[in-house]
Amino acid sequence: MNTHCKEPAEAAGPSAPPCHPAGELTGGLTGEPDHCVTCSDEAIEMEIVRMEEGGLAVARASAGVAEISVALVAAQPGDTVLVHGGEAIAIV
């Protein structure tokens, strides 16, 4: 069971997706409003720009730059990784 998403009856407003209250979604690194990468169970390709302390890295996608976790992969600057929910899950 996906604990991230709310049941449709809990969503606020008729225009809200069933998993989020109205106004909560911003598109993030997809650049698409009203889109949740976590709920859609998809990964985004990102390029590692630099490594940070604590298993983190700064990575770039077509829609912007974000700090992500690289705790599950042995990524290095220049690598392209698949990112889901802020976590790099594979090196492409």
PDB file of N, CA and C in Angstrom:
ATOM      1  N   MET A   1       0.838  -1.190   0.000  1.00  0.00           N
ATOM      2  CA  MET A   1       0.000   0.000   0.000  1.00  0.00           C
ATOM      3  C   MET A   1       0.877   1.245   0.000  1.00  0.00           C
ATOM      4  N   ASN A   2       0.560   2.202  -0.807  1.00  0.00           N
ATOM      5  CA  ASN A   2       1.313   3.445  -0.898  1.00  0.00           C
ATOM      6  C   ASN A   2       0.870   4.371   0.228  1.00  0.00           C
ATOM      7  N   THR A   3       1.732   4.602   1.197  1.00  0.00           N
ATOM      8  CA  THR A   3       1.372   5.461   2.325  1.00  0.00           C
ATOM      9  C   THR A   3       1.589   6.932   2.018  1.00  0.00           C
ATOM     10  N   HIS A   4       2.223   7.244   0.888  1.00  0.00           N
ATOM     11  CA  HIS A   4       2.462   8.638   0.503  1.00  0.00           C
ATOM     12  C   HIS A   4       1.169   9.316   0.062  1.00  0.00           C
ATOM     13  N   CYS A   5       0.312   8.584  -0.624  1.00  0.00           N
ATOM     14  CA  CYS A   5      -0.895   9.170  -1.204  1.00  0.00           C
ATOM     15  C   CYS A   5      -2.073   9.083  -0.254  1.00  0.00           C
ATOM     16  N   LYS A   6      -2.932  10.070  -0.332  1.00  0.00           N
ATOM     17  CA  LYS A   6      -4.162  10.079   0.442  1.00  0.00           C
ATOM     18  C   LYS A   6      -5.257   9.408  -0.378  1.00  0.00           C
ATOM     19  N   GLU A   7      -6.256   8.931   0.287  1.00  0.00           N
ATOM     20  CA  GLU A   7      -7.422   8.399  -0.402  1.00  0.00           C
ATOM     21  C   GLU A   7      -8.144   9.560  -1.080  1.00  0.00           C
ATOM     22  N   PRO A   8      -8.857   9.321  -2.175  1.00  0.00           N
ATOM     23  CA  PRO A   8      -9.533  10.404  -2.885  1.00  0.00           C
ATOM     24  C   PRO A   8     -10.422  11.261  -1.993  1.00  0.00           C
ATOM     25  N   ALA A   9     -11.082  10.684  -1.027  1.00  0.00           N
ATOM     26  CA  ALA A   9     -11.978  11.446  -0.153  1.00  0.00           C
ATOM     27  C   ALA A   9     -11.217  12.448   0.711  1.00  0.00           C
ATOM     28  N   GLU A  10      -9.910  12.223   0.925  1.00  0.00           N
ATOM     29  CA  GLU A  10      -9.113  13.112   1.765  1.00  0.00           C
ATOM     30  C   GLU A  10      -8.526  14.288   0.994  1.00  0.00           C
ATOM     31  N   ALA A  11      -8.525  14.227  -0.323  1.00  0.00           N
ATOM     32  CA  ALA A  11      -7.933  15.298  -1.127  1.00  0.00           C
ATOM     33  C   ALA A  11      -8.801  16.549  -1.034  1.00  0.00           C
ATOM     34  N   ALA A  12      -8.141  17.685  -0.946  1.00  0.00           N
ATOM     35  CA  ALA A  12      -8.871  18.944  -0.792  1.00  0.00           C
ATOM     36  C   ALA A  12      -9.203  19.546  -2.142  1.00  0.00           C
ATOM     37  N   GLY A  13     -10.445  19.794  -2.389  1.00  0.00           N
ATOM     38  CA  GLY A  13     -10.860  20.496  -3.594  1.00  0.00           C
ATOM     39  C   GLY A  13     -11.075  19.589  -4.775  1.00  0.00           C
ATOM     40  N   PRO A  14     -11.982  19.966  -5.662  1.00  0.00           N
ATOM     41  CA  PRO A  14     -12.298  19.125  -6.814  1.00  0.00           C
ATOM     42  C   PRO A  14     -11.186  19.053  -7.846  1.00  0.00           C
ATOM     43  N   SER A  15     -10.280  20.043  -7.888  1.00  0.00           N
ATOM     44  CA  SER A  15      -9.225  20.023  -8.896  1.00  0.00           C
ATOM     45  C   SER A  15      -7.948  19.353  -8.402  1.00  0.00           C
ATOM     46  N   ALA A  16      -7.914  18.949  -7.136  1.00  0.00           N
ATOM     47  CA  ALA A  16      -6.709  18.327  -6.581  1.00  0.00           C
ATOM     48  C   ALA A  16      -6.605  16.880  -7.022  1.00  0.00           C
ATOM     49  N   PRO A  17      -5.393  16.422  -7.355  1.00  0.00           N
ATOM     50  CA  PRO A  17      -5.226  15.001  -7.616  1.00  0.00           C
ATOM     51  C   PRO A  17      -5.571  14.235  -6.345  1.00  0.00           C
ATOM     52  N   PRO A  18      -5.961  12.978  -6.441  1.00  0.00           N
ATOM     53  CA  PRO A  18      -6.376  12.248  -5.250  1.00  0.00           C
ATOM     54  C   PRO A  18      -5.285  12.088  -4.201  1.00  0.00           C
ATOM     55  N   CYS A  19      -4.020  12.278  -4.567  1.00  0.00           N
ATOM     56  CA  CYS A  19      -2.936  12.031  -3.620  1.00  0.00           C
ATOM     57  C   CYS A  19      -2.456  13.275  -2.885  1.00  0.00           C
ATOM     58  N   HIS A  20      -2.904  14.471  -3.263  1.00  0.00           N
ATOM     59  CA  HIS A  20      -2.376  15.701  -2.670  1.00  0.00           C
ATOM     60  C   HIS A  20      -3.465  16.749  -2.482  1.00  0.00           C
ATOM     61  N   PRO A  21      -3.358  17.552  -1.417  1.00  0.00           N
ATOM     62  CA  PRO A  21      -4.275  18.686  -1.268  1.00  0.00           C
ATOM     63  C   PRO A  21      -4.043  19.702  -2.383  1.00  0.00           C
ATOM     64  N   ALA A  22      -5.050  20.473  -2.687  1.00  0.00           N
ATOM     65  CA  ALA A  22      -4.938  21.507  -3.725  1.00  0.00           C
ATOM     66  C   ALA A  22      -3.776  22.439  -3.411  1.00  0.00           C
ATOM     67  N   GLY A  23      -2.971  22.751  -4.415  1.00  0.00           N
ATOM     68  CA  GLY A  23      -1.866  23.683  -4.255  1.00  0.00           C
ATOM     69  C   GLY A  23      -0.578  23.063  -3.754  1.00  0.00           C
ATOM     70  N   GLU A  24      -0.583  21.781  -3.384  1.00  0.00           N
ATOM     71  CA  GLU A  24       0.627  21.159  -2.844  1.00  0.00           C
ATOM     72  C   GLU A  24       1.631  20.819  -3.934  1.00  0.00           C
ATOM     73  N   LEU A  25       1.170  20.451  -5.113  1.00  0.00           N
ATOM     74  CA  LEU A  25       2.077  20.040  -6.182  1.00  0.00           C
ATOM     75  C   LEU A  25       2.634  21.251  -6.911  1.00  0.00           C
ATOM     76  N   THR A  26       3.921  21.210  -7.194  1.00  0.00           N
ATOM     77  CA  THR A  26       4.554  22.311  -7.910  1.00  0.00           C
ATOM     78  C   THR A  26       5.246  21.851  -9.177  1.00  0.00           C
ATOM     79  N   GLY A  27       5.293  20.562  -9.435  1.00  0.00           N
ATOM     80  CA  GLY A  27       5.960  20.061 -10.620  1.00  0.00           C
ATOM     81  C   GLY A  27       7.391  19.647 -10.368  1.00  0.00           C
ATOM     82  N   GLY A  28       8.029  20.214  -9.361  1.00  0.00           N
ATOM     83  CA  GLY A  28       9.394  19.828  -9.016  1.00  0.00           C
ATOM     84  C   GLY A  28      10.302  19.803 -10.217  1.00  0.00           C
ATOM     85  N   LEU A  29      11.094  18.755 -10.342  1.00  0.00           N
ATOM     86  CA  LEU A  29      12.060  18.663 -11.433  1.00  0.00           C
ATOM     87  C   LEU A  29      11.450  18.194 -12.739  1.00  0.00           C
ATOM     88  N   THR A  30      10.157  17.878 -12.752  1.00  0.00           N
ATOM     89  CA  THR A  30       9.525  17.521 -14.018  1.00  0.00           C
ATOM     90  C   THR A  30       9.099  18.762 -14.776  1.00  0.00           C
ATOM     91  N   GLY A  31       8.898  19.871 -14.049  1.00  0.00           N
ATOM     92  CA  GLY A  31       8.434  21.094 -14.678  1.00  0.00           C
ATOM     93  C   GLY A  31       6.962  21.064 -15.041  1.00  0.00           C
ATOM     94  N   GLU A  32       6.262  20.007 -14.638  1.00  0.00           N
ATOM     95  CA  GLU A  32       4.850  19.872 -14.951  1.00  0.00           C
ATOM     96  C   GLU A  32       4.016  20.147 -13.705  1.00  0.00           C
ATOM     97  N   PRO A  33       3.148  21.165 -13.739  1.00  0.00           N
ATOM     98  CA  PRO A  33       2.296  21.405 -12.573  1.00  0.00           C
ATOM     99  C   PRO A  33       1.323  20.252 -12.383  1.00  0.00           C
ATOM    100  N   ASP A  34       0.896  20.041 -11.156  1.00  0.00           N
ATOM    101  CA  ASP A  34      -0.062  18.987 -10.813  1.00  0.00           C
ATOM    102  C   ASP A  34       0.435  17.594 -11.187  1.00  0.00           C
ATOM    103  N   HIS A  35       1.740  17.374 -11.038  1.00  0.00           N
ATOM    104  CA  HIS A  35       2.323  16.070 -11.340  1.00  0.00           C
ATOM    105  C   HIS A  35       3.176  15.637 -10.158  1.00  0.00           C
ATOM    106  N   CYS A  36       2.972  14.428  -9.683  1.00  0.00           N
ATOM    107  CA  CYS A  36       3.749  13.905  -8.562  1.00  0.00           C
ATOM    108  C   CYS A  36       4.601  12.738  -9.048  1.00  0.00           C
ATOM    109  N   VAL A  37       5.908  12.915  -9.040  1.00  0.00           N
ATOM    110  CA  VAL A  37       6.826  11.873  -9.488  1.00  0.00           C
ATOM    111  C   VAL A  37       6.730  10.652  -8.586  1.00  0.00           C
ATOM    112  N   THR A  38       6.578  10.871  -7.278  1.00  0.00           N
ATOM    113  CA  THR A  38       6.499   9.758  -6.337  1.00  0.00           C
ATOM    114  C   THR A  38       5.248   8.930  -6.580  1.00  0.00           C
ATOM    115  N   CYS A  39       4.113   9.583  -6.688  1.00  0.00           N
ATOM    116  CA  CYS A  39       2.858   8.856  -6.884  1.00  0.00           C
ATOM    117  C   CYS A  39       2.805   8.170  -8.244  1.00  0.00           C
ATOM    118  N   SER A  40       3.446   8.750  -9.241  1.00  0.00           N
ATOM    119  CA  SER A  40       3.437   8.140 -10.569  1.00  0.00           C
ATOM    120  C   SER A  40       4.491   7.055 -10.693  1.00  0.00           C
ATOM    121  N   ASP A  41       5.318   6.883  -9.650  1.00  0.00           N
ATOM    122  CA  ASP A  41       6.329   5.827  -9.591  1.00  0.00           C
ATOM    123  C   ASP A  41       7.299   5.893 -10.769  1.00  0.00           C
ATOM    124  N   GLU A  42       7.794   7.092 -11.064  1.00  0.00           N
ATOM    125  CA  GLU A  42       8.741   7.254 -12.159  1.00  0.00           C
ATOM    126  C   GLU A  42      10.066   7.808 -11.650  1.00  0.00           C
ATOM    127  N   ALA A  43      11.094   7.634 -12.446  1.00  0.00           N
ATOM    128  CA  ALA A  43      12.419   8.148 -12.112  1.00  0.00           C
ATOM    129  C   ALA A  43      12.817   9.188 -13.155  1.00  0.00           C
ATOM    130  N   ILE A  44      13.627  10.144 -12.722  1.00  0.00           N
ATOM    131  CA  ILE A  44      14.086  11.223 -13.593  1.00  0.00           C
ATOM    132  C   ILE A  44      15.587  11.072 -13.801  1.00  0.00           C
ATOM    133  N   GLU A  45      16.038  11.205 -15.051  1.00  0.00           N
ATOM    134  CA  GLU A  45      17.477  11.191 -15.321  1.00  0.00           C
ATOM    135  C   GLU A  45      18.083  12.504 -14.856  1.00  0.00           C
ATOM    136  N   MET A  46      19.162  12.399 -14.083  1.00  0.00           N
ATOM    137  CA  MET A  46      19.877  13.581 -13.601  1.00  0.00           C
ATOM    138  C   MET A  46      21.369  13.332 -13.722  1.00  0.00           C
ATOM    139  N   GLU A  47      22.125  14.403 -13.974  1.00  0.00           N
ATOM    140  CA  GLU A  47      23.583  14.320 -14.046  1.00  0.00           C
ATOM    141  C   GLU A  47      24.169  14.813 -12.727  1.00  0.00           C
ATOM    142  N   ILE A  48      25.089  14.031 -12.169  1.00  0.00           N
ATOM    143  CA  ILE A  48      25.751  14.420 -10.925  1.00  0.00           C
ATOM    144  C   ILE A  48      26.704  15.572 -11.230  1.00  0.00           C
ATOM    145  N   VAL A  49      26.508  16.700 -10.546  1.00  0.00           N
ATOM    146  CA  VAL A  49      27.355  17.877 -10.727  1.00  0.00           C
ATOM    147  C   VAL A  49      28.526  17.826  -9.755  1.00  0.00           C
ATOM    148  N   ARG A  50      28.218  17.580  -8.476  1.00  0.00           N
ATOM    149  CA  ARG A  50      29.282  17.464  -7.475  1.00  0.00           C
ATOM    150  C   ARG A  50      28.776  16.636  -6.305  1.00  0.00           C
ATOM    151  N   MET A  51      29.723  16.029  -5.615  1.00  0.00           N
ATOM    152  CA  MET A  51      29.405  15.227  -4.440  1.00  0.00           C
ATOM    153  C   MET A  51      29.402  16.129  -3.212  1.00  0.00           C
ATOM    154  N   GLU A  52      28.536  15.826  -2.261  1.00  0.00           N
ATOM    155  CA  GLU A  52      28.435  16.543  -0.998  1.00  0.00           C
ATOM    156  C   GLU A  52      28.699  15.544   0.128  1.00  0.00           C
ATOM    157  N   GLU A  53      28.844  16.028   1.344  1.00  0.00           N
ATOM    158  CA  GLU A  53      29.032  15.141   2.493  1.00  0.00           C
ATOM    159  C   GLU A  53      27.732  14.420   2.825  1.00  0.00           C
ATOM    160  N   GLY A  54      27.854  13.324   3.544  1.00  0.00           N
ATOM    161  CA  GLY A  54      26.685  12.619   4.050  1.00  0.00           C
ATOM    162  C   GLY A  54      25.908  11.830   3.018  1.00  0.00           C
ATOM    163  N   GLY A  55      26.560  11.370   1.958  1.00  0.00           N
ATOM    164  CA  GLY A  55      25.874  10.569   0.950  1.00  0.00           C
ATOM    165  C   GLY A  55      24.960  11.370   0.043  1.00  0.00           C
ATOM    166  N   LEU A  56      25.237  12.660  -0.088  1.00  0.00           N
ATOM    167  CA  LEU A  56      24.417  13.530  -0.927  1.00  0.00           C
ATOM    168  C   LEU A  56      25.212  14.014  -2.129  1.00  0.00           C
ATOM    169  N   ALA A  57      24.493  14.492  -3.135  1.00  0.00           N
ATOM    170  CA  ALA A  57      25.122  15.063  -4.323  1.00  0.00           C
ATOM    171  C   ALA A  57      24.221  16.155  -4.867  1.00  0.00           C
ATOM    172  N   VAL A  58      24.816  17.078  -5.595  1.00  0.00           N
ATOM    173  CA  VAL A  58      24.058  18.068  -6.346  1.00  0.00           C
ATOM    174  C   VAL A  58      23.945  17.513  -7.757  1.00  0.00           C
ATOM    175  N   ALA A  59      22.712  17.479  -8.269  1.00  0.00           N
ATOM    176  CA  ALA A  59      22.473  16.901  -9.590  1.00  0.00           C
ATOM    177  C   ALA A  59      21.613  17.842 -10.419  1.00  0.00           C
ATOM    178  N   ARG A  60      21.761  17.725 -11.749  1.00  0.00           N
ATOM    179  CA  ARG A  60      21.053  18.609 -12.674  1.00  0.00           C
ATOM    180  C   ARG A  60      20.120  17.786 -13.561  1.00  0.00           C
ATOM    181  N   ALA A  61      18.882  18.270 -13.686  1.00  0.00           N
ATOM    182  CA  ALA A  61      17.912  17.720 -14.633  1.00  0.00           C
ATOM    183  C   ALA A  61      17.541  18.838 -15.602  1.00  0.00           C
ATOM    184  N   SER A  62      16.763  18.523 -16.614  1.00  0.00           N
ATOM    185  CA  SER A  62      16.390  19.552 -17.586  1.00  0.00           C
ATOM    186  C   SER A  62      15.602  20.692 -16.953  1.00  0.00           C
ATOM    187  N   ALA A  63      14.896  20.420 -15.849  1.00  0.00           N
ATOM    188  CA  ALA A  63      14.077  21.452 -15.201  1.00  0.00           C
ATOM    189  C   ALA A  63      14.777  22.151 -14.043  1.00  0.00           C
ATOM    190  N   GLY A  64      16.015  21.758 -13.714  1.00  0.00           N
ATOM    191  CA  GLY A  64      16.702  22.447 -12.628  1.00  0.00           C
ATOM    192  C   GLY A  64      17.722  21.598 -11.903  1.00  0.00           C
ATOM    193  N   VAL A  65      18.220  22.146 -10.786  1.00  0.00           N
ATOM    194  CA  VAL A  65      19.260  21.513  -9.979  1.00  0.00           C
ATOM    195  C   VAL A  65      18.669  21.171  -8.620  1.00  0.00           C
ATOM    196  N   ALA A  66      19.084  20.024  -8.061  1.00  0.00           N
ATOM    197  CA  ALA A  66      18.582  19.614  -6.749  1.00  0.00           C
ATOM    198  C   ALA A  66      19.650  18.831  -6.008  1.00  0.00           C
ATOM    199  N   GLU A  67      19.536  18.826  -4.687  1.00  0.00           N
ATOM    200  CA  GLU A  67      20.381  17.966  -3.868  1.00  0.00           C
ATOM    201  C   GLU A  67      19.660  16.633  -3.735  1.00  0.00           C
ATOM    202  N   ILE A  68      20.377  15.543  -4.012  1.00  0.00           N
ATOM    203  CA  ILE A  68      19.786  14.210  -3.956  1.00  0.00           C
ATOM    204  C   ILE A  68      20.657  13.303  -3.101  1.00  0.00           C
ATOM    205  N   SER A  69      20.098  12.185  -2.691  1.00  0.00           N
ATOM    206  CA  SER A  69      20.859  11.169  -1.978  1.00  0.00           C
ATOM    207  C   SER A  69      21.472  10.210  -2.991  1.00  0.00           C
ATOM    208  N   VAL A  70      22.727   9.853  -2.771  1.00  0.00           N
ATOM    209  CA  VAL A  70      23.395   8.857  -3.611  1.00  0.00           C
ATOM    210  C   VAL A  70      23.849   7.679  -2.749  1.00  0.00           C
ATOM    211  N   ALA A  71      23.156   7.469  -1.643  1.00  0.00           N
ATOM    212  CA  ALA A  71      23.529   6.418  -0.698  1.00  0.00           C
ATOM    213  C   ALA A  71      23.405   5.017  -1.290  1.00  0.00           C
ATOM    214  N   LEU A  72      22.556   4.830  -2.293  1.00  0.00           N
ATOM    215  CA  LEU A  72      22.321   3.499  -2.855  1.00  0.00           C
ATOM    216  C   LEU A  72      23.181   3.179  -4.069  1.00  0.00           C
ATOM    217  N   VAL A  73      23.885   4.179  -4.607  1.00  0.00           N
ATOM    218  CA  VAL A  73      24.689   3.965  -5.815  1.00  0.00           C
ATOM    219  C   VAL A  73      26.080   4.557  -5.635  1.00  0.00           C
ATOM    220  N   ALA A  74      27.034   4.062  -6.396  1.00  0.00           N
ATOM    221  CA  ALA A  74      28.411   4.567  -6.340  1.00  0.00           C
ATOM    222  C   ALA A  74      28.612   5.595  -7.450  1.00  0.00           C
ATOM    223  N   ALA A  75      27.824   6.652  -7.422  1.00  0.00           N
ATOM    224  CA  ALA A  75      27.870   7.677  -8.466  1.00  0.00           C
ATOM    225  C   ALA A  75      29.028   8.641  -8.236  1.00  0.00           C
ATOM    226  N   GLN A  76      29.504   9.207  -9.333  1.00  0.00           N
ATOM    227  CA  GLN A  76      30.577  10.196  -9.321  1.00  0.00           C
ATOM    228  C   GLN A  76      30.152  11.380 -10.188  1.00  0.00           C
ATOM    229  N   PRO A  77      30.785  12.542 -10.024  1.00  0.00           N
ATOM    230  CA  PRO A  77      30.459  13.679 -10.886  1.00  0.00           C
ATOM    231  C   PRO A  77      30.555  13.291 -12.361  1.00  0.00           C
ATOM    232  N   GLY A  78      29.564  13.718 -13.133  1.00  0.00           N
ATOM    233  CA  GLY A  78      29.496  13.381 -14.550  1.00  0.00           C
ATOM    234  C   GLY A  78      28.607  12.197 -14.848  1.00  0.00           C
ATOM    235  N   ASP A  79      28.337  11.351 -13.849  1.00  0.00           N
ATOM    236  CA  ASP A  79      27.451  10.204 -14.047  1.00  0.00           C
ATOM    237  C   ASP A  79      26.010  10.664 -14.216  1.00  0.00           C
ATOM    238  N   THR A  80      25.258   9.933 -15.020  1.00  0.00           N
ATOM    239  CA  THR A  80      23.818  10.136 -15.123  1.00  0.00           C
ATOM    240  C   THR A  80      23.153   9.071 -14.276  1.00  0.00           C
ATOM    241  N   VAL A  81      22.249   9.505 -13.403  1.00  0.00           N
ATOM    242  CA  VAL A  81      21.564   8.585 -12.499  1.00  0.00           C
ATOM    243  C   VAL A  81      20.060   8.715 -12.678  1.00  0.00           C
ATOM    244  N   LEU A  82      19.342   7.657 -12.325  1.00  0.00           N
ATOM    245  CA  LEU A  82      17.889   7.712 -12.253  1.00  0.00           C
ATOM    246  C   LEU A  82      17.526   8.059 -10.824  1.00  0.00           C
ATOM    247  N   VAL A  83      16.683   9.075 -10.639  1.00  0.00           N
ATOM    248  CA  VAL A  83      16.323   9.566  -9.310  1.00  0.00           C
ATOM    249  C   VAL A  83      14.825   9.412  -9.100  1.00  0.00           C
ATOM    250  N   HIS A  84      14.470   8.802  -7.981  1.00  0.00           N
ATOM    251  CA  HIS A  84      13.064   8.654  -7.591  1.00  0.00           C
ATOM    252  C   HIS A  84      12.918   9.106  -6.146  1.00  0.00           C
ATOM    253  N   GLY A  85      12.046  10.056  -5.916  1.00  0.00           N
ATOM    254  CA  GLY A  85      11.816  10.539  -4.557  1.00  0.00           C
ATOM    255  C   GLY A  85      13.055  11.117  -3.905  1.00  0.00           C
ATOM    256  N   GLY A  86      13.934  11.746  -4.698  1.00  0.00           N
ATOM    257  CA  GLY A  86      15.138  12.359  -4.149  1.00  0.00           C
ATOM    258  C   GLY A  86      16.285  11.396  -3.912  1.00  0.00           C
ATOM    259  N   GLU A  87      16.125  10.143  -4.310  1.00  0.00           N
ATOM    260  CA  GLU A  87      17.134   9.101  -4.101  1.00  0.00           C
ATOM    261  C   GLU A  87      17.604   8.572  -5.454  1.00  0.00           C
ATOM    262  N   ALA A  88      18.920   8.610  -5.703  1.00  0.00           N
ATOM    263  CA  ALA A  88      19.464   7.991  -6.912  1.00  0.00           C
ATOM    264  C   ALA A  88      19.330   6.483  -6.746  1.00  0.00           C
ATOM    265  N   ILE A  89      18.678   5.839  -7.718  1.00  0.00           N
ATOM    266  CA  ILE A  89      18.426   4.401  -7.602  1.00  0.00           C
ATOM    267  C   ILE A  89      19.214   3.573  -8.610  1.00  0.00           C
ATOM    268  N   ALA A  90      19.825   4.224  -9.598  1.00  0.00           N
ATOM    269  CA  ALA A  90      20.621   3.489 -10.587  1.00  0.00           C
ATOM    270  C   ALA A  90      21.503   4.467 -11.349  1.00  0.00           C
ATOM    271  N   ILE A  91      22.638   3.961 -11.821  1.00  0.00           N
ATOM    272  CA  ILE A  91      23.501   4.723 -12.725  1.00  0.00           C
ATOM    273  C   ILE A  91      23.159   4.268 -14.131  1.00  0.00           C
ATOM    274  N   VAL A  92      22.950   5.236 -15.029  1.00  0.00           N
ATOM    275  CA  VAL A  92      22.569   4.904 -16.410  1.00  0.00           C
ATOM    276  C   VAL A  92      23.823   4.740 -17.245  1.00  0.00           C
TER     277      VAL A  92
END
